[in-house]
Amino acid sequence: MAMTLRLNDEQERALALLAEADGVSKHEATVRAITEAAARRVRDDRVRALSKDGRERYAALLDRLAQ
């Protein structure tokens, strides 16, 4: 799907620096940034869910260890 991305001057410079640092086009740098941000979000959500599950599962043990 084609789309137009509107950036202000500061965002344009940041994208250009990112693309240059990775040796890729600005398009590729944008795609990578989106993909990495999505993967990070999924990973963070999974870690939060596992942490919550662990705290619930081991609540009694954690309380005893805290004493």
N, C-alpha and C. Protein backbone atom coordinates (compact mmCIF):
# COMPACT_ATOMS: atom_id res chain seq x y z
N MET A 1 0.84 -1.17 0.00
CA MET A 1 0.00 0.00 0.00
C MET A 1 0.89 1.24 0.00
N ALA A 2 0.64 2.14 -0.85
CA ALA A 2 1.39 3.39 -0.93
C ALA A 2 0.81 4.41 0.04
N MET A 3 1.70 5.23 0.59
CA MET A 3 1.24 6.29 1.47
C MET A 3 2.23 7.44 1.45
N THR A 4 1.78 8.58 1.87
CA THR A 4 2.63 9.75 1.95
C THR A 4 2.97 9.98 3.41
N LEU A 5 4.24 10.23 3.68
CA LEU A 5 4.69 10.49 5.04
C LEU A 5 5.13 11.94 5.12
N ARG A 6 4.47 12.70 5.96
CA ARG A 6 4.83 14.11 6.10
C ARG A 6 5.66 14.29 7.37
N LEU A 7 6.85 14.82 7.20
CA LEU A 7 7.76 15.04 8.31
C LEU A 7 8.13 16.51 8.40
N ASN A 8 8.35 16.98 9.62
CA ASN A 8 8.88 18.33 9.75
C ASN A 8 10.40 18.26 9.52
N ASP A 9 11.05 19.41 9.51
CA ASP A 9 12.49 19.45 9.19
C ASP A 9 13.32 18.61 10.16
N GLU A 10 13.00 18.68 11.44
CA GLU A 10 13.75 17.92 12.44
C GLU A 10 13.58 16.41 12.23
N GLN A 11 12.36 15.98 11.95
CA GLN A 11 12.11 14.56 11.71
C GLN A 11 12.80 14.10 10.43
N GLU A 12 12.80 14.95 9.42
CA GLU A 12 13.48 14.63 8.16
C GLU A 12 14.97 14.44 8.38
N ARG A 13 15.58 15.32 9.17
CA ARG A 13 17.01 15.18 9.48
C ARG A 13 17.28 13.89 10.26
N ALA A 14 16.42 13.60 11.22
CA ALA A 14 16.58 12.38 12.01
C ALA A 14 16.48 11.14 11.12
N LEU A 15 15.53 11.14 10.22
CA LEU A 15 15.37 10.01 9.30
C LEU A 15 16.59 9.88 8.39
N ALA A 16 17.08 11.00 7.89
CA ALA A 16 18.26 10.97 7.02
C ALA A 16 19.47 10.43 7.78
N LEU A 17 19.64 10.84 9.04
CA LEU A 17 20.76 10.34 9.84
C LEU A 17 20.63 8.84 10.09
N LEU A 18 19.42 8.39 10.39
CA LEU A 18 19.17 6.98 10.62
C LEU A 18 19.47 6.16 9.37
N ALA A 19 19.00 6.63 8.24
CA ALA A 19 19.23 5.93 6.97
C ALA A 19 20.72 5.88 6.65
N GLU A 20 21.40 6.99 6.83
CA GLU A 20 22.83 7.03 6.54
C GLU A 20 23.61 6.11 7.48
N ALA A 21 23.25 6.11 8.75
CA ALA A 21 23.94 5.26 9.73
C ALA A 21 23.79 3.78 9.39
N ASP A 22 22.63 3.41 8.87
CA ASP A 22 22.37 2.01 8.53
C ASP A 22 22.74 1.68 7.09
N GLY A 23 23.10 2.70 6.32
CA GLY A 23 23.47 2.47 4.92
C GLY A 23 22.31 2.03 4.05
N VAL A 24 21.13 2.58 4.35
CA VAL A 24 19.93 2.21 3.59
C VAL A 24 19.21 3.48 3.14
N SER A 25 18.21 3.30 2.32
CA SER A 25 17.40 4.43 1.88
C SER A 25 16.52 4.92 3.03
N LYS A 26 15.99 6.12 2.88
CA LYS A 26 15.07 6.63 3.90
C LYS A 26 13.82 5.77 3.96
N HIS A 27 13.39 5.27 2.82
CA HIS A 27 12.23 4.38 2.81
C HIS A 27 12.51 3.14 3.67
N GLU A 28 13.66 2.51 3.43
CA GLU A 28 14.02 1.30 4.18
C GLU A 28 14.19 1.61 5.66
N ALA A 29 14.79 2.76 5.98
CA ALA A 29 14.95 3.14 7.38
C ALA A 29 13.59 3.32 8.05
N THR A 30 12.63 3.88 7.34
CA THR A 30 11.28 4.06 7.87
C THR A 30 10.62 2.71 8.12
N VAL A 31 10.71 1.82 7.14
CA VAL A 31 10.11 0.48 7.28
C VAL A 31 10.73 -0.26 8.45
N ARG A 32 12.06 -0.20 8.57
CA ARG A 32 12.74 -0.88 9.67
C ARG A 32 12.31 -0.29 11.02
N ALA A 33 12.21 1.02 11.10
CA ALA A 33 11.83 1.66 12.36
C ALA A 33 10.43 1.23 12.78
N ILE A 34 9.52 1.16 11.83
CA ILE A 34 8.15 0.73 12.13
C ILE A 34 8.14 -0.72 12.60
N THR A 35 8.85 -1.57 11.88
CA THR A 35 8.91 -2.99 12.23
C THR A 35 9.53 -3.21 13.60
N GLU A 36 10.63 -2.51 13.87
CA GLU A 36 11.30 -2.65 15.17
C GLU A 36 10.43 -2.12 16.31
N ALA A 37 9.73 -1.02 16.09
CA ALA A 37 8.85 -0.47 17.12
C ALA A 37 7.71 -1.44 17.42
N ALA A 38 7.15 -2.04 16.39
CA ALA A 38 6.06 -3.01 16.59
C ALA A 38 6.56 -4.24 17.34
N ALA A 39 7.73 -4.74 16.97
CA ALA A 39 8.30 -5.91 17.65
C ALA A 39 8.58 -5.60 19.11
N ARG A 40 9.10 -4.40 19.37
CA ARG A 40 9.39 -3.98 20.74
C ARG A 40 8.10 -3.91 21.56
N ARG A 41 7.04 -3.38 20.96
CA ARG A 41 5.74 -3.28 21.66
C ARG A 41 5.22 -4.67 22.01
N VAL A 42 5.27 -5.59 21.05
CA VAL A 42 4.79 -6.95 21.29
C VAL A 42 5.61 -7.61 22.39
N ARG A 43 6.94 -7.45 22.31
CA ARG A 43 7.84 -8.05 23.29
C ARG A 43 7.57 -7.46 24.68
N ASP A 44 7.43 -6.14 24.77
CA ASP A 44 7.16 -5.49 26.06
C ASP A 44 5.83 -5.96 26.64
N ASP A 45 4.82 -6.07 25.79
CA ASP A 45 3.51 -6.54 26.26
C ASP A 45 3.61 -7.97 26.79
N ARG A 46 4.39 -8.80 26.11
CA ARG A 46 4.55 -10.20 26.53
C ARG A 46 5.29 -10.27 27.86
N VAL A 47 6.33 -9.47 28.02
CA VAL A 47 7.08 -9.45 29.28
C VAL A 47 6.17 -9.00 30.43
N ARG A 48 5.36 -7.95 30.19
CA ARG A 48 4.43 -7.49 31.22
C ARG A 48 3.44 -8.60 31.60
N ALA A 49 2.93 -9.30 30.60
CA ALA A 49 1.96 -10.38 30.88
C ALA A 49 2.62 -11.51 31.67
N LEU A 50 3.84 -11.88 31.29
CA LEU A 50 4.54 -12.94 32.02
C LEU A 50 4.87 -12.51 33.44
N SER A 51 5.25 -11.24 33.60
CA SER A 51 5.55 -10.73 34.94
C SER A 51 4.32 -10.76 35.82
N LYS A 52 3.19 -10.33 35.26
CA LYS A 52 1.94 -10.33 36.02
C LYS A 52 1.56 -11.75 36.42
N ASP A 53 1.71 -12.68 35.48
CA ASP A 53 1.39 -14.08 35.75
C ASP A 53 2.29 -14.62 36.86
N GLY A 54 3.57 -14.30 36.78
CA GLY A 54 4.51 -14.77 37.80
C GLY A 54 4.21 -14.19 39.17
N ARG A 55 3.88 -12.88 39.21
CA ARG A 55 3.55 -12.26 40.50
C ARG A 55 2.30 -12.89 41.09
N GLU A 56 1.32 -13.20 40.26
CA GLU A 56 0.09 -13.83 40.76
C GLU A 56 0.36 -15.26 41.21
N ARG A 57 1.11 -15.99 40.41
CA ARG A 57 1.36 -17.40 40.70
C ARG A 57 2.19 -17.57 41.97
N TYR A 58 3.15 -16.68 42.18
CA TYR A 58 4.07 -16.84 43.30
C TYR A 58 3.85 -15.77 44.37
N ALA A 59 2.65 -15.23 44.46
CA ALA A 59 2.36 -14.16 45.41
C ALA A 59 2.66 -14.58 46.86
N ALA A 60 2.23 -15.75 47.24
CA ALA A 60 2.45 -16.20 48.61
C ALA A 60 3.95 -16.33 48.89
N LEU A 61 4.67 -16.91 47.98
CA LEU A 61 6.12 -17.07 48.16
C LEU A 61 6.81 -15.70 48.22
N LEU A 62 6.43 -14.81 47.36
CA LEU A 62 7.01 -13.46 47.36
C LEU A 62 6.73 -12.74 48.67
N ASP A 63 5.51 -12.92 49.21
CA ASP A 63 5.18 -12.32 50.50
C ASP A 63 6.05 -12.89 51.61
N ARG A 64 6.25 -14.21 51.62
CA ARG A 64 7.09 -14.82 52.64
C ARG A 64 8.54 -14.35 52.51
N LEU A 65 9.05 -14.23 51.29
CA LEU A 65 10.42 -13.79 51.09
C LEU A 65 10.61 -12.32 51.52
N ALA A 66 9.55 -11.54 51.43
CA ALA A 66 9.63 -10.14 51.79
C ALA A 66 9.70 -9.92 53.29
N GLN A 67 9.33 -10.94 54.08
CA GLN A 67 9.31 -10.80 55.54
C GLN A 67 10.66 -11.04 56.15
